PDB file of N, CA and C in Angstrom:
ATOM      1  N   MET A   1     114.453 136.613 102.533  1.00  0.00           N
ATOM      2  CA  MET A   1     113.416 137.609 102.744  1.00  0.00           C
ATOM      3  C   MET A   1     113.898 138.936 102.140  1.00  0.00           C
ATOM      4  N   ASN A   2     112.994 139.680 101.660  1.00  0.00           N
ATOM      5  CA  ASN A   2     113.291 140.954 101.029  1.00  0.00           C
ATOM      6  C   ASN A   2     113.971 141.912 102.018  1.00  0.00           C
ATOM      7  N   ARG A   3     115.047 142.530 101.593  1.00  0.00           N
ATOM      8  CA  ARG A   3     115.815 143.436 102.453  1.00  0.00           C
ATOM      9  C   ARG A   3     114.965 144.621 102.934  1.00  0.00           C
ATOM     10  N   ASP A   4     114.084 145.136 102.075  1.00  0.00           N
ATOM     11  CA  ASP A   4     113.223 146.254 102.480  1.00  0.00           C
ATOM     12  C   ASP A   4     112.293 145.855 103.622  1.00  0.00           C
ATOM     13  N   ILE A   5     111.765 144.641 103.545  1.00  0.00           N
ATOM     14  CA  ILE A   5     110.889 144.140 104.613  1.00  0.00           C
ATOM     15  C   ILE A   5     111.690 143.992 105.899  1.00  0.00           C
ATOM     16  N   MET A   6     112.879 143.403 105.796  1.00  0.00           N
ATOM     17  CA  MET A   6     113.719 143.210 106.986  1.00  0.00           C
ATOM     18  C   MET A   6     114.083 144.563 107.603  1.00  0.00           C
ATOM     19  N   ASN A   7     114.398 145.551 106.779  1.00  0.00           N
ATOM     20  CA  ASN A   7     114.725 146.891 107.289  1.00  0.00           C
ATOM     21  C   ASN A   7     113.533 147.523 107.988  1.00  0.00           C
ATOM     22  N   ALA A   8     112.331 147.274 107.487  1.00  0.00           N
ATOM     23  CA  ALA A   8     111.124 147.835 108.098  1.00  0.00           C
ATOM     24  C   ALA A   8     110.818 147.174 109.433  1.00  0.00           C
ATOM     25  N   ILE A   9     111.057 145.870 109.535  1.00  0.00           N
ATOM     26  CA  ILE A   9     110.720 145.126 110.753  1.00  0.00           C
ATOM     27  C   ILE A   9     111.841 145.200 111.791  1.00  0.00           C
ATOM     28  N   PHE A  10     113.072 145.099 111.342  1.00  0.00           N
ATOM     29  CA  PHE A  10     114.233 145.042 112.237  1.00  0.00           C
ATOM     30  C   PHE A  10     115.281 146.092 111.853  1.00  0.00           C
ATOM     31  N   PRO A  11     114.948 147.373 111.939  1.00  0.00           N
ATOM     32  CA  PRO A  11     115.896 148.391 111.446  1.00  0.00           C
ATOM     33  C   PRO A  11     117.226 148.415 112.201  1.00  0.00           C
ATOM     34  N   GLU A  12     117.200 148.311 113.502  1.00  0.00           N
ATOM     35  CA  GLU A  12     118.456 148.376 114.272  1.00  0.00           C
ATOM     36  C   GLU A  12     119.322 147.157 114.013  1.00  0.00           C
ATOM     37  N   GLU A  13     118.708 145.983 113.968  1.00  0.00           N
ATOM     38  CA  GLU A  13     119.453 144.759 113.716  1.00  0.00           C
ATOM     39  C   GLU A  13     120.069 144.780 112.320  1.00  0.00           C
ATOM     40  N   MET A  14     119.328 145.294 111.350  1.00  0.00           N
ATOM     41  CA  MET A  14     119.854 145.362 109.984  1.00  0.00           C
ATOM     42  C   MET A  14     121.023 146.340 109.890  1.00  0.00           C
ATOM     43  N   LYS A  15     120.981 147.429 110.640  1.00  0.00           N
ATOM     44  CA  LYS A  15     122.121 148.359 110.666  1.00  0.00           C
ATOM     45  C   LYS A  15     123.364 147.653 111.183  1.00  0.00           C
ATOM     46  N   LEU A  16     123.191 146.855 112.241  1.00  0.00           N
ATOM     47  CA  LEU A  16     124.325 146.114 112.791  1.00  0.00           C
ATOM     48  C   LEU A  16     124.868 145.122 111.772  1.00  0.00           C
ATOM     49  N   ILE A  17     123.980 144.371 111.138  1.00  0.00           N
ATOM     50  CA  ILE A  17     124.407 143.389 110.143  1.00  0.00           C
ATOM     51  C   ILE A  17     125.155 144.072 109.003  1.00  0.00           C
ATOM     52  N   MET A  18     124.656 145.188 108.537  1.00  0.00           N
ATOM     53  CA  MET A  18     125.282 145.893 107.415  1.00  0.00           C
ATOM     54  C   MET A  18     126.661 146.443 107.777  1.00  0.00           C
ATOM     55  N   THR A  19     126.934 146.623 109.062  1.00  0.00           N
ATOM     56  CA  THR A  19     128.262 147.085 109.487  1.00  0.00           C
ATOM     57  C   THR A  19     129.131 145.926 109.981  1.00  0.00           C
ATOM     58  N   GLY A  20     128.693 144.680 109.717  1.00  0.00           N
ATOM     59  CA  GLY A  20     129.499 143.511 110.061  1.00  0.00           C
ATOM     60  C   GLY A  20     129.444 143.127 111.519  1.00  0.00           C
ATOM     61  N   ARG A  21     128.368 143.481 112.208  1.00  0.00           N
ATOM     62  CA  ARG A  21     128.237 143.173 113.628  1.00  0.00           C
ATOM     63  C   ARG A  21     127.068 142.235 113.875  1.00  0.00           C
ATOM     64  N   CYS A  22     127.137 141.534 114.990  1.00  0.00           N
ATOM     65  CA  CYS A  22     126.084 140.592 115.382  1.00  0.00           C
ATOM     66  C   CYS A  22     124.807 141.371 115.702  1.00  0.00           C
ATOM     67  N   PRO A  23     123.651 140.931 115.184  1.00  0.00           N
ATOM     68  CA  PRO A  23     122.411 141.651 115.451  1.00  0.00           C
ATOM     69  C   PRO A  23     121.906 141.509 116.885  1.00  0.00           C
ATOM     70  N   ILE A  24     122.498 140.619 117.662  1.00  0.00           N
ATOM     71  CA  ILE A  24     122.070 140.438 119.054  1.00  0.00           C
ATOM     72  C   ILE A  24     122.937 141.240 120.008  1.00  0.00           C
ATOM     73  N   CYS A  25     124.265 141.035 119.952  1.00  0.00           N
ATOM     74  CA  CYS A  25     125.153 141.700 120.912  1.00  0.00           C
ATOM     75  C   CYS A  25     125.815 142.960 120.357  1.00  0.00           C
ATOM     76  N   GLY A  26     125.803 143.117 119.038  1.00  0.00           N
ATOM     77  CA  GLY A  26     126.412 144.295 118.429  1.00  0.00           C
ATOM     78  C   GLY A  26     127.917 144.206 118.252  1.00  0.00           C
ATOM     79  N   GLU A  27     128.509 143.077 118.597  1.00  0.00           N
ATOM     80  CA  GLU A  27     129.959 142.902 118.465  1.00  0.00           C
ATOM     81  C   GLU A  27     130.304 142.299 117.111  1.00  0.00           C
ATOM     82  N   PRO A  28     131.519 142.548 116.614  1.00  0.00           N
ATOM     83  CA  PRO A  28     131.943 141.880 115.390  1.00  0.00           C
ATOM     84  C   PRO A  28     132.219 140.408 115.680  1.00  0.00           C
ATOM     85  N   PRO A  29     132.131 139.548 114.676  1.00  0.00           N
ATOM     86  CA  PRO A  29     132.418 138.131 114.893  1.00  0.00           C
ATOM     87  C   PRO A  29     133.894 137.913 115.207  1.00  0.00           C
ATOM     88  N   LEU A  30     134.196 136.782 115.825  1.00  0.00           N
ATOM     89  CA  LEU A  30     135.578 136.448 116.169  1.00  0.00           C
ATOM     90  C   LEU A  30     136.376 136.169 114.903  1.00  0.00           C
ATOM     91  N   ARG A  31     137.615 136.702 114.876  1.00  0.00           N
ATOM     92  CA  ARG A  31     138.509 136.498 113.727  1.00  0.00           C
ATOM     93  C   ARG A  31     139.884 136.062 114.210  1.00  0.00           C
ATOM     94  N   ASP A  32     140.589 135.335 113.352  1.00  0.00           N
ATOM     95  CA  ASP A  32     141.950 134.927 113.700  1.00  0.00           C
ATOM     96  C   ASP A  32     142.929 136.048 113.326  1.00  0.00           C
ATOM     97  N   LYS A  33     144.219 135.773 113.453  1.00  0.00           N
ATOM     98  CA  LYS A  33     145.248 136.800 113.229  1.00  0.00           C
ATOM     99  C   LYS A  33     145.284 137.341 111.810  1.00  0.00           C
ATOM    100  N   VAL A  34     144.832 136.540 110.849  1.00  0.00           N
ATOM    101  CA  VAL A  34     144.846 137.008 109.460  1.00  0.00           C
ATOM    102  C   VAL A  34     143.476 137.539 109.030  1.00  0.00           C
ATOM    103  N   GLY A  35     142.538 137.621 109.973  1.00  0.00           N
ATOM    104  CA  GLY A  35     141.247 138.218 109.689  1.00  0.00           C
ATOM    105  C   GLY A  35     140.156 137.266 109.238  1.00  0.00           C
ATOM    106  N   GLU A  36     140.454 135.957 109.239  1.00  0.00           N
ATOM    107  CA  GLU A  36     139.443 134.971 108.856  1.00  0.00           C
ATOM    108  C   GLU A  36     138.481 134.729 110.023  1.00  0.00           C
ATOM    109  N   LEU A  37     137.203 134.565 109.680  1.00  0.00           N
ATOM    110  CA  LEU A  37     136.216 134.260 110.712  1.00  0.00           C
ATOM    111  C   LEU A  37     136.546 132.925 111.366  1.00  0.00           C
ATOM    112  N   VAL A  38     136.349 132.851 112.685  1.00  0.00           N
ATOM    113  CA  VAL A  38     136.671 131.647 113.453  1.00  0.00           C
ATOM    114  C   VAL A  38     135.387 131.049 114.012  1.00  0.00           C
ATOM    115  N   PHE A  39     135.188 129.754 113.732  1.00  0.00           N
ATOM    116  CA  PHE A  39     134.041 129.029 114.270  1.00  0.00           C
ATOM    117  C   PHE A  39     134.502 127.687 114.807  1.00  0.00           C
ATOM    118  N   ARG A  40     133.800 127.196 115.807  1.00  0.00           N
ATOM    119  CA  ARG A  40     134.133 125.919 116.427  1.00  0.00           C
ATOM    120  C   ARG A  40     133.855 124.753 115.466  1.00  0.00           C
ATOM    121  N   ASP A  41     132.772 124.886 114.684  1.00  0.00           N
ATOM    122  CA  ASP A  41     132.405 123.806 113.773  1.00  0.00           C
ATOM    123  C   ASP A  41     131.652 124.375 112.570  1.00  0.00           C
ATOM    124  N   GLU A  42     131.421 123.509 111.602  1.00  0.00           N
ATOM    125  CA  GLU A  42     130.782 123.939 110.355  1.00  0.00           C
ATOM    126  C   GLU A  42     129.327 124.368 110.583  1.00  0.00           C
ATOM    127  N   LEU A  43     128.639 123.745 111.526  1.00  0.00           N
ATOM    128  CA  LEU A  43     127.255 124.114 111.818  1.00  0.00           C
ATOM    129  C   LEU A  43     127.167 125.565 112.308  1.00  0.00           C
ATOM    130  N   SER A  44     128.094 125.967 113.161  1.00  0.00           N
ATOM    131  CA  SER A  44     128.125 127.355 113.647  1.00  0.00           C
ATOM    132  C   SER A  44     128.413 128.322 112.507  1.00  0.00           C
ATOM    133  N   ARG A  45     129.302 127.932 111.603  1.00  0.00           N
ATOM    134  CA  ARG A  45     129.618 128.764 110.437  1.00  0.00           C
ATOM    135  C   ARG A  45     128.381 128.897 109.544  1.00  0.00           C
ATOM    136  N   GLU A  46     127.665 127.804 109.323  1.00  0.00           N
ATOM    137  CA  GLU A  46     126.455 127.846 108.497  1.00  0.00           C
ATOM    138  C   GLU A  46     125.395 128.750 109.119  1.00  0.00           C
ATOM    139  N   GLU A  47     125.214 128.643 110.435  1.00  0.00           N
ATOM    140  CA  GLU A  47     124.229 129.498 111.112  1.00  0.00           C
ATOM    141  C   GLU A  47     124.613 130.970 110.974  1.00  0.00           C
ATOM    142  N   TYR A  48     125.903 131.271 111.109  1.00  0.00           N
ATOM    143  CA  TYR A  48     126.355 132.652 110.940  1.00  0.00           C
ATOM    144  C   TYR A  48     126.053 133.149 109.525  1.00  0.00           C
ATOM    145  N   ASN A  49     126.289 132.306 108.528  1.00  0.00           N
ATOM    146  CA  ASN A  49     126.031 132.701 107.144  1.00  0.00           C
ATOM    147  C   ASN A  49     124.551 132.993 106.897  1.00  0.00           C
ATOM    148  N   ILE A  50     123.665 132.340 107.634  1.00  0.00           N
ATOM    149  CA  ILE A  50     122.230 132.564 107.496  1.00  0.00           C
ATOM    150  C   ILE A  50     121.785 133.793 108.285  1.00  0.00           C
ATOM    151  N   SER A  51     122.177 133.849 109.564  1.00  0.00           N
ATOM    152  CA  SER A  51     121.613 134.842 110.486  1.00  0.00           C
ATOM    153  C   SER A  51     122.537 136.002 110.826  1.00  0.00           C
ATOM    154  N   ARG A  52     123.838 135.819 110.601  1.00  0.00           N
ATOM    155  CA  ARG A  52     124.867 136.785 111.007  1.00  0.00           C
ATOM    156  C   ARG A  52     124.963 136.919 112.531  1.00  0.00           C
ATOM    157  N   ILE A  53     124.470 135.924 113.253  1.00  0.00           N
ATOM    158  CA  ILE A  53     124.586 135.891 114.707  1.00  0.00           C
ATOM    159  C   ILE A  53     125.932 135.260 115.061  1.00  0.00           C
ATOM    160  N   CYS A  54     126.722 135.946 115.903  1.00  0.00           N
ATOM    161  CA  CYS A  54     128.055 135.456 116.263  1.00  0.00           C
ATOM    162  C   CYS A  54     127.958 134.156 117.074  1.00  0.00           C
ATOM    163  N   GLU A  55     129.040 133.427 117.118  1.00  0.00           N
ATOM    164  CA  GLU A  55     129.036 132.137 117.802  1.00  0.00           C
ATOM    165  C   GLU A  55     128.724 132.245 119.297  1.00  0.00           C
ATOM    166  N   PRO A  56     129.278 133.224 120.030  1.00  0.00           N
ATOM    167  CA  PRO A  56     128.888 133.324 121.444  1.00  0.00           C
ATOM    168  C   PRO A  56     127.374 133.521 121.634  1.00  0.00           C
ATOM    169  N   CYS A  57     126.737 134.316 120.772  1.00  0.00           N
ATOM    170  CA  CYS A  57     125.288 134.504 120.875  1.00  0.00           C
ATOM    171  C   CYS A  57     124.538 133.249 120.437  1.00  0.00           C
ATOM    172  N   GLN A  58     125.062 132.548 119.436  1.00  0.00           N
ATOM    173  CA  GLN A  58     124.468 131.269 119.046  1.00  0.00           C
ATOM    174  C   GLN A  58     124.501 130.314 120.234  1.00  0.00           C
ATOM    175  N   ASP A  59     125.656 130.245 120.899  1.00  0.00           N
ATOM    176  CA  ASP A  59     125.806 129.352 122.055  1.00  0.00           C
ATOM    177  C   ASP A  59     124.844 129.726 123.178  1.00  0.00           C
ATOM    178  N   ALA A  60     124.718 131.018 123.457  1.00  0.00           N
ATOM    179  CA  ALA A  60     123.821 131.478 124.522  1.00  0.00           C
ATOM    180  C   ALA A  60     122.376 131.125 124.189  1.00  0.00           C
ATOM    181  N   ALA A  61     121.994 131.302 122.930  1.00  0.00           N
ATOM    182  CA  ALA A  61     120.625 130.967 122.518  1.00  0.00           C
ATOM    183  C   ALA A  61     120.376 129.470 122.670  1.00  0.00           C
ATOM    184  N   MET A  62     121.346 128.652 122.292  1.00  0.00           N
ATOM    185  CA  MET A  62     121.180 127.200 122.408  1.00  0.00           C
ATOM    186  C   MET A  62     121.110 126.775 123.873  1.00  0.00           C
ATOM    187  N   GLU A  63     121.952 127.342 124.724  1.00  0.00           N
ATOM    188  CA  GLU A  63     121.906 127.023 126.147  1.00  0.00           C
ATOM    189  C   GLU A  63     120.542 127.373 126.727  1.00  0.00           C
ATOM    190  N   ASN A  64     120.018 128.511 126.329  1.00  0.00           N
ATOM    191  CA  ASN A  64     118.707 128.956 126.794  1.00  0.00           C
ATOM    192  C   ASN A  64     117.622 127.973 126.361  1.00  0.00           C
ATOM    193  N   ARG A  65     117.676 127.539 125.098  1.00  0.00           N
ATOM    194  CA  ARG A  65     116.688 126.580 124.587  1.00  0.00           C
ATOM    195  C   ARG A  65     116.776 125.271 125.336  1.00  0.00           C
ATOM    196  N   LEU A  66     117.997 124.805 125.599  1.00  0.00           N
ATOM    197  CA  LEU A  66     118.164 123.543 126.317  1.00  0.00           C
ATOM    198  C   LEU A  66     117.638 123.667 127.737  1.00  0.00           C
ATOM    199  N   GLU A  67     117.898 124.804 128.386  1.00  0.00           N
ATOM    200  CA  GLU A  67     117.416 125.023 129.740  1.00  0.00           C
ATOM    201  C   GLU A  67     115.889 125.024 129.772  1.00  0.00           C
ATOM    202  N   ILE A  68     115.258 125.689 128.830  1.00  0.00           N
ATOM    203  CA  ILE A  68     113.799 125.734 128.766  1.00  0.00           C
ATOM    204  C   ILE A  68     113.249 124.334 128.527  1.00  0.00           C
ATOM    205  N   ARG A  69     113.864 123.581 127.635  1.00  0.00           N
ATOM    206  CA  ARG A  69     113.418 122.218 127.335  1.00  0.00           C
ATOM    207  C   ARG A  69     113.509 121.345 128.583  1.00  0.00           C
ATOM    208  N   CYS A  70     114.623 121.458 129.340  1.00  0.00           N
ATOM    209  CA  CYS A  70     114.787 120.664 130.559  1.00  0.00           C
ATOM    210  C   CYS A  70     113.704 121.014 131.588  1.00  0.00           C
ATOM    211  N   ILE A  71     113.425 122.295 131.734  1.00  0.00           N
ATOM    212  CA  ILE A  71     112.388 122.723 132.682  1.00  0.00           C
ATOM    213  C   ILE A  71     111.034 122.173 132.262  1.00  0.00           C
ATOM    214  N   GLN A  72     110.731 122.224 130.971  1.00  0.00           N
ATOM    215  CA  GLN A  72     109.461 121.704 130.483  1.00  0.00           C
ATOM    216  C   GLN A  72     109.359 120.212 130.713  1.00  0.00           C
ATOM    217  N   GLN A  73     110.436 119.479 130.510  1.00  0.00           N
ATOM    218  CA  GLN A  73     110.414 118.040 130.703  1.00  0.00           C
ATOM    219  C   GLN A  73     110.264 117.657 132.176  1.00  0.00           C
ATOM    220  N   ARG A  74     110.727 118.532 133.074  1.00  0.00           N
ATOM    221  CA  ARG A  74     110.590 118.254 134.514  1.00  0.00           C
ATOM    222  C   ARG A  74     109.256 118.719 135.064  1.00  0.00           C
ATOM    223  N   GLY A  75     108.410 119.246 134.221  1.00  0.00           N
ATOM    224  CA  GLY A  75     107.084 119.653 134.691  1.00  0.00           C
ATOM    225  C   GLY A  75     106.944 121.117 134.959  1.00  0.00           C
ATOM    226  N   GLY A  76     107.803 121.952 134.416  1.00  0.00           N
ATOM    227  CA  GLY A  76     107.650 123.399 134.515  1.00  0.00           C
ATOM    228  C   GLY A  76     107.999 124.003 135.855  1.00  0.00           C
ATOM    229  N   GLU A  77     109.103 123.595 136.429  1.00  0.00           N
ATOM    230  CA  GLU A  77     109.536 124.147 137.731  1.00  0.00           C
ATOM    231  C   GLU A  77     109.465 125.644 137.786  1.00  0.00           C
TER     232      GLU A  77
END
């Protein structure tokens, strides 16, 4: 998507991304001792490369989706 459009729609999130921070929590991604990004698996790394969302926020979003799906399957408790 065009950067100008993204800046117009999500200005605060784009500022965070441009400074190397997660657009959800505002924290920098996890790094090892030599400064390399750390991910549990390749899927998490790929998602970060697309969205710049850190792994803890990715995990929280997935847990939330799974919880909503379970509630829907049980009839909307």
